[in-house]
């Protein structure tokens, strides 16, 4: 019968006829969606999806994950962009560091899609009341230049979609770029910063982010001031197959948090920056 509850019954059997997989209505095949109500908001670390393997495992690709507090689940922020599972593998683990919400949704974008899930596992941190809050959300953001309407504020809008065309990534000058481009957020007051989570653009040029530096301190608000703030570690590099990276900055304090690309002819694009 393919009921939604079969994706949270604890059974990861990937054969549909073992009666532990969901199945969306074949008469409504546009953007089919499954979601779970966690009962309260959680910070989500990762979502693990078990795919149907006995028939057309490719039907799951591509898929989106939405996490948030709205019961209109497809309007909640997206964890990354379009995800693809290796159709030779029974499951995929998708990292969603720093995202939070009561509802977790799996959605297939487009028409003529059929959604079948054999199990969905959501691994949160603790309930939201007991964890740090993203202090960058909605704060004033700046960058050394802007092109292609990639305004600095798009990295603190709560949308972690990593696809440029979906309108939630920043962009500094390109062709050929600029020396030491930087993006920064003014948190409004000084905070002790535990970690910085960065969502990279994945649909084109993900390697442009590497290497990058993070600066944290109270000097600002101009670009020549913020880049003089103390540095969190040295040169950081993101895994180009992953949508995000979490950088630990223990006991650093500051009002301004800066992402800077050292060197000439660099282009900086950030799809979201979360600060805890």
Protein backbone atom coordinates (compact mmCIF):
# COMPACT_ATOMS: atom_id res chain seq x y z
CA UNK A 1 0.00 0.00 0.00
CA UNK A 2 3.04 2.29 0.24
CA UNK A 3 1.91 4.34 3.27
CA UNK A 4 4.12 7.23 4.40
CA UNK A 5 4.67 5.61 7.80
CA UNK A 6 6.64 2.78 6.19
CA UNK A 7 9.62 5.13 5.84
CA UNK A 8 9.88 5.51 9.63
CA UNK A 9 9.10 1.96 10.78
CA UNK A 10 12.74 1.02 11.46
CA UNK A 11 12.85 -1.46 8.58
CA UNK A 12 15.49 -0.63 5.96
CA UNK A 13 14.64 -3.47 3.56
CA UNK A 14 14.98 -2.01 0.04
CA UNK A 15 12.68 -4.51 -1.67
CA UNK A 16 9.23 -3.00 -2.16
CA UNK A 17 7.53 -6.38 -1.82
CA UNK A 18 8.94 -6.77 1.70
CA UNK A 19 6.29 -4.16 2.60
CA UNK A 20 8.55 -1.51 4.06
CA UNK A 21 8.66 1.14 1.33
CA UNK A 22 6.41 4.09 0.61
CA UNK A 23 4.89 4.79 -2.78
CA UNK A 24 3.46 8.11 -3.96
CA UNK A 25 0.16 8.36 -5.83
CA UNK A 26 0.70 7.57 -9.51
CA UNK A 27 -2.07 10.00 -10.45
CA UNK A 28 -0.26 13.00 -8.93
CA UNK A 29 3.30 12.89 -10.23
CA UNK A 30 4.34 16.56 -10.06
CA UNK A 31 6.86 17.34 -7.28
CA UNK A 32 5.88 14.37 -5.05
CA UNK A 33 6.85 14.92 -1.44
CA UNK A 34 7.19 12.90 1.77
CA UNK A 35 7.76 14.47 5.17
CA UNK A 36 8.01 13.66 8.85
CA UNK A 37 6.85 15.76 11.80
CA UNK A 38 9.48 15.47 14.55
CA UNK A 39 7.08 16.98 17.10
CA UNK A 40 9.43 19.85 18.00
CA UNK A 41 12.32 21.72 16.34
CA UNK A 42 15.71 20.03 16.26
CA UNK A 43 19.09 20.99 14.89
CA UNK A 44 19.66 18.41 12.14
CA UNK A 45 23.08 16.90 11.52
CA UNK A 46 22.25 14.52 8.66
CA UNK A 47 19.48 12.72 6.83
CA UNK A 48 19.90 9.11 5.67
CA UNK A 49 17.65 7.80 2.90
CA UNK A 50 17.19 4.15 1.90
CA UNK A 51 16.16 3.78 -1.74
CA UNK A 52 14.12 1.06 -3.44
CA UNK A 53 16.56 -1.33 -5.13
CA UNK A 54 14.40 -4.03 -6.70
CA UNK A 55 12.94 -1.76 -9.41
CA UNK A 56 14.06 1.51 -11.05
CA UNK A 57 16.28 2.88 -8.26
CA UNK A 58 17.06 5.85 -10.54
CA UNK A 59 13.56 7.26 -9.92
CA UNK A 60 14.85 8.93 -6.76
CA UNK A 61 17.27 11.17 -8.68
CA UNK A 62 17.43 14.09 -8.29
CA UNK A 63 15.86 14.81 -4.90
CA UNK A 64 15.72 17.75 -2.49
CA UNK A 65 15.61 17.87 1.30
CA UNK A 66 13.72 20.67 3.09
CA UNK A 67 14.02 21.37 6.82
CA UNK A 68 12.09 23.96 8.81
CA UNK A 69 9.16 24.81 11.04
CA UNK A 70 6.49 25.45 8.40
CA UNK A 71 3.92 22.73 7.83
CA UNK A 72 3.96 23.90 4.20
CA UNK A 73 7.02 21.72 4.03
CA UNK A 74 8.21 22.48 0.49
CA UNK A 75 8.60 26.15 1.41
CA UNK A 76 11.12 25.36 4.15
CA UNK A 77 14.84 25.98 3.47
CA UNK A 78 16.57 23.42 1.28
CA UNK A 79 19.53 21.41 2.54
CA UNK A 80 21.88 21.90 -0.38
CA UNK A 81 20.46 21.68 -3.91
CA UNK A 82 19.68 18.65 -6.06
CA UNK A 83 21.04 15.46 -4.49
CA UNK A 84 21.75 12.22 -6.37
CA UNK A 85 22.06 8.75 -4.88
CA UNK A 86 24.45 6.16 -6.31
CA UNK A 87 21.89 3.73 -7.75
CA UNK A 88 24.16 0.79 -6.93
CA UNK A 89 23.98 1.63 -3.22
CA UNK A 90 20.99 1.09 -0.92
CA UNK A 91 21.33 4.39 0.95
CA UNK A 92 22.76 7.89 1.01
CA UNK A 93 23.71 10.10 3.96
CA UNK A 94 23.20 13.82 3.35
CA UNK A 95 24.89 16.29 5.69
CA UNK A 96 22.78 19.27 6.75
CA UNK A 97 24.97 20.93 9.41
CA UNK A 98 23.36 23.76 11.34
CA UNK A 99 19.90 23.41 9.82
CA UNK A 100 16.98 23.26 12.22
CA UNK A 101 13.26 22.56 12.12
CA UNK A 102 10.31 20.45 13.11
CA UNK A 103 9.60 19.08 9.63
CA UNK A 104 11.99 17.16 7.36
CA UNK A 105 10.79 16.69 3.78
CA UNK A 106 12.08 14.68 0.82
CA UNK A 107 10.84 16.09 -2.50
CA UNK A 108 11.33 15.10 -6.13
CA UNK A 109 11.38 18.26 -8.27
CA UNK A 110 9.68 18.18 -11.64
CA UNK A 111 6.82 16.43 -13.40
CA UNK A 112 6.22 12.73 -14.02
CA UNK A 113 8.08 11.72 -10.85
CA UNK A 114 7.39 8.75 -8.55
CA UNK A 115 8.65 8.86 -4.96
CA UNK A 116 9.43 5.63 -3.13
CA UNK A 117 11.35 5.63 0.15
CA UNK A 118 12.24 2.48 2.06
CA UNK A 119 13.43 4.31 5.17
CA UNK A 120 14.37 7.83 6.25
CA UNK A 121 16.55 8.39 9.29
CA UNK A 122 17.03 11.86 10.72
CA UNK A 123 19.93 12.41 13.08
CA UNK A 124 19.56 15.59 15.10
CA UNK A 125 21.54 17.24 17.80
CA UNK A 126 19.55 18.13 20.88
CA UNK A 127 16.21 19.97 20.95
CA UNK A 128 16.58 23.54 19.73
CA UNK A 129 16.03 25.05 23.18
CA UNK A 130 19.31 23.54 24.34
CA UNK A 131 21.64 24.34 21.44
CA UNK A 132 23.32 27.37 19.94
CA UNK A 133 21.45 29.56 17.50
CA UNK A 134 22.75 30.74 14.13
CA UNK A 135 23.55 34.35 15.04
CA UNK A 136 24.29 35.34 11.42
CA UNK A 137 20.75 34.78 10.15
CA UNK A 138 19.32 38.00 8.72
CA UNK A 139 22.23 40.18 9.86
CA UNK A 140 23.88 42.88 7.71
CA UNK A 141 26.36 41.37 5.25
CA UNK A 142 28.93 42.93 2.91
CA UNK A 143 31.46 41.93 0.29
CA UNK A 144 34.32 43.55 -1.60
CA UNK A 145 32.41 43.51 -4.91
CA UNK A 146 29.16 42.20 -6.40
CA UNK A 147 28.37 40.71 -9.79
CA UNK A 148 25.47 38.79 -11.34
CA UNK A 149 23.15 40.17 -8.60
CA UNK A 150 24.86 37.89 -6.08
CA UNK A 151 24.31 40.23 -3.15
CA UNK A 152 26.10 39.60 0.15
CA UNK A 153 22.79 39.23 2.02
CA UNK A 154 22.02 35.98 0.15
CA UNK A 155 24.51 34.15 2.41
CA UNK A 156 22.48 34.96 5.54
CA UNK A 157 18.93 34.49 4.21
CA UNK A 158 18.41 31.03 5.74
CA UNK A 159 18.44 29.27 2.35
CA UNK A 160 21.25 26.71 1.97
CA UNK A 161 20.45 25.78 -1.65
CA UNK A 162 23.79 25.29 -3.42
CA UNK A 163 22.51 25.86 -6.99
CA UNK A 164 23.27 29.35 -8.35
CA UNK A 165 20.15 29.58 -10.51
CA UNK A 166 17.92 29.18 -7.45
CA UNK A 167 18.88 32.69 -6.33
CA UNK A 168 20.48 32.16 -2.91
CA UNK A 169 24.24 32.50 -3.50
CA UNK A 170 26.55 35.50 -3.41
CA UNK A 171 29.01 36.42 -6.19
CA UNK A 172 32.00 38.77 -6.30
CA UNK A 173 33.58 40.18 -9.46
CA UNK A 174 34.65 37.64 -12.06
CA UNK A 175 36.46 37.56 -15.40
CA UNK A 176 39.14 37.39 -14.15
CA UNK A 177 38.15 37.99 -10.51
CA UNK A 178 39.88 40.15 -7.92
CA UNK A 179 42.71 39.93 -5.44
CA UNK A 180 41.71 38.68 -1.97
CA UNK A 181 37.90 38.95 -2.32
CA UNK A 182 36.10 38.92 1.00
CA UNK A 183 32.58 38.57 2.42
CA UNK A 184 31.69 39.50 5.98
CA UNK A 185 28.74 39.76 8.33
CA UNK A 186 28.18 42.28 11.10
CA UNK A 187 26.62 40.37 14.01
CA UNK A 188 25.63 43.63 15.70
CA UNK A 189 27.57 42.83 18.85
CA UNK A 190 30.53 40.73 19.91
CA UNK A 191 29.91 36.97 20.28
CA UNK A 192 32.03 34.01 21.31
CA UNK A 193 32.08 31.94 18.11
CA UNK A 194 32.26 28.16 18.34
CA UNK A 195 32.06 27.23 14.67
CA UNK A 196 31.34 28.58 11.20
CA UNK A 197 29.42 26.52 8.64
CA UNK A 198 29.82 27.41 4.96
CA UNK A 199 27.65 26.16 2.09
CA UNK A 200 29.50 26.17 -1.22
CA UNK A 201 28.16 26.50 -4.76
CA UNK A 202 28.00 22.99 -6.29
CA UNK A 203 26.46 23.42 -9.74
CA UNK A 204 29.59 25.06 -11.22
CA UNK A 205 33.09 25.92 -10.06
CA UNK A 206 33.00 24.46 -6.52
CA UNK A 207 36.82 24.48 -6.50
CA UNK A 208 36.86 28.30 -6.57
CA UNK A 209 36.32 28.38 -2.80
CA UNK A 210 39.64 26.63 -2.08
CA UNK A 211 41.64 27.74 -0.20
CA UNK A 212 39.77 30.16 2.08
CA UNK A 213 40.43 31.94 5.37
CA UNK A 214 38.11 32.92 8.22
CA UNK A 215 38.71 36.05 10.30
CA UNK A 216 36.82 36.89 13.51
CA UNK A 217 37.11 40.05 15.57
CA UNK A 218 35.79 43.50 16.44
CA UNK A 219 37.62 45.54 13.78
CA UNK A 220 35.27 46.87 11.10
CA UNK A 221 33.11 47.60 9.28
CA UNK A 222 35.27 48.37 6.21
CA UNK A 223 36.98 45.67 4.14
CA UNK A 224 40.50 46.84 4.99
CA UNK A 225 39.60 46.63 8.69
CA UNK A 226 37.75 43.30 8.88
CA UNK A 227 40.55 41.38 7.18
CA UNK A 228 42.97 42.45 9.93
CA UNK A 229 40.95 40.53 12.53
CA UNK A 230 42.46 37.34 14.02
CA UNK A 231 42.34 34.29 11.80
CA UNK A 232 40.56 31.03 12.65
CA UNK A 233 43.15 28.46 11.63
CA UNK A 234 45.05 28.80 8.37
CA UNK A 235 44.02 27.93 4.82
CA UNK A 236 40.84 25.84 4.85
CA UNK A 237 39.66 23.57 2.03
CA UNK A 238 36.21 22.14 1.41
CA UNK A 239 35.59 18.67 0.00
CA UNK A 240 34.24 19.48 -3.46
CA UNK A 241 31.77 16.57 -3.31
CA UNK A 242 30.12 17.99 -0.17
CA UNK A 243 27.72 20.95 0.03
CA UNK A 244 29.14 22.35 3.25
CA UNK A 245 31.99 22.47 5.71
CA UNK A 246 31.96 23.15 9.46
CA UNK A 247 35.03 24.96 10.81
CA UNK A 248 35.69 24.90 14.55
CA UNK A 249 36.87 28.25 15.96
CA UNK A 250 36.96 27.55 19.71
CA UNK A 251 36.99 30.55 22.06
CA UNK A 252 37.30 33.15 19.29
CA UNK A 253 35.27 36.31 19.84
CA UNK A 254 34.12 39.13 17.59
CA UNK A 255 31.40 41.21 16.00
CA UNK A 256 32.59 40.60 12.44
CA UNK A 257 33.07 37.20 10.78
CA UNK A 258 34.91 37.26 7.46
CA UNK A 259 35.36 34.71 4.66
CA UNK A 260 38.35 35.69 2.51
CA UNK A 261 40.01 34.09 -0.51
CA UNK A 262 43.76 34.77 -0.46
CA UNK A 263 45.55 35.45 -3.73
CA UNK A 264 45.01 37.09 -7.13
CA UNK A 265 42.15 36.54 -9.61
CA UNK A 266 39.80 34.88 -7.12
CA UNK A 267 35.98 34.68 -7.28
CA UNK A 268 34.01 34.24 -4.05
CA UNK A 269 30.57 32.62 -4.05
CA UNK A 270 28.83 31.59 -0.82
CA UNK A 271 25.41 29.95 -0.70
CA UNK A 272 25.01 30.30 3.08
CA UNK A 273 27.11 31.07 6.14
CA UNK A 274 25.92 29.94 9.58
CA UNK A 275 27.65 31.08 12.77
CA UNK A 276 27.24 29.33 16.11
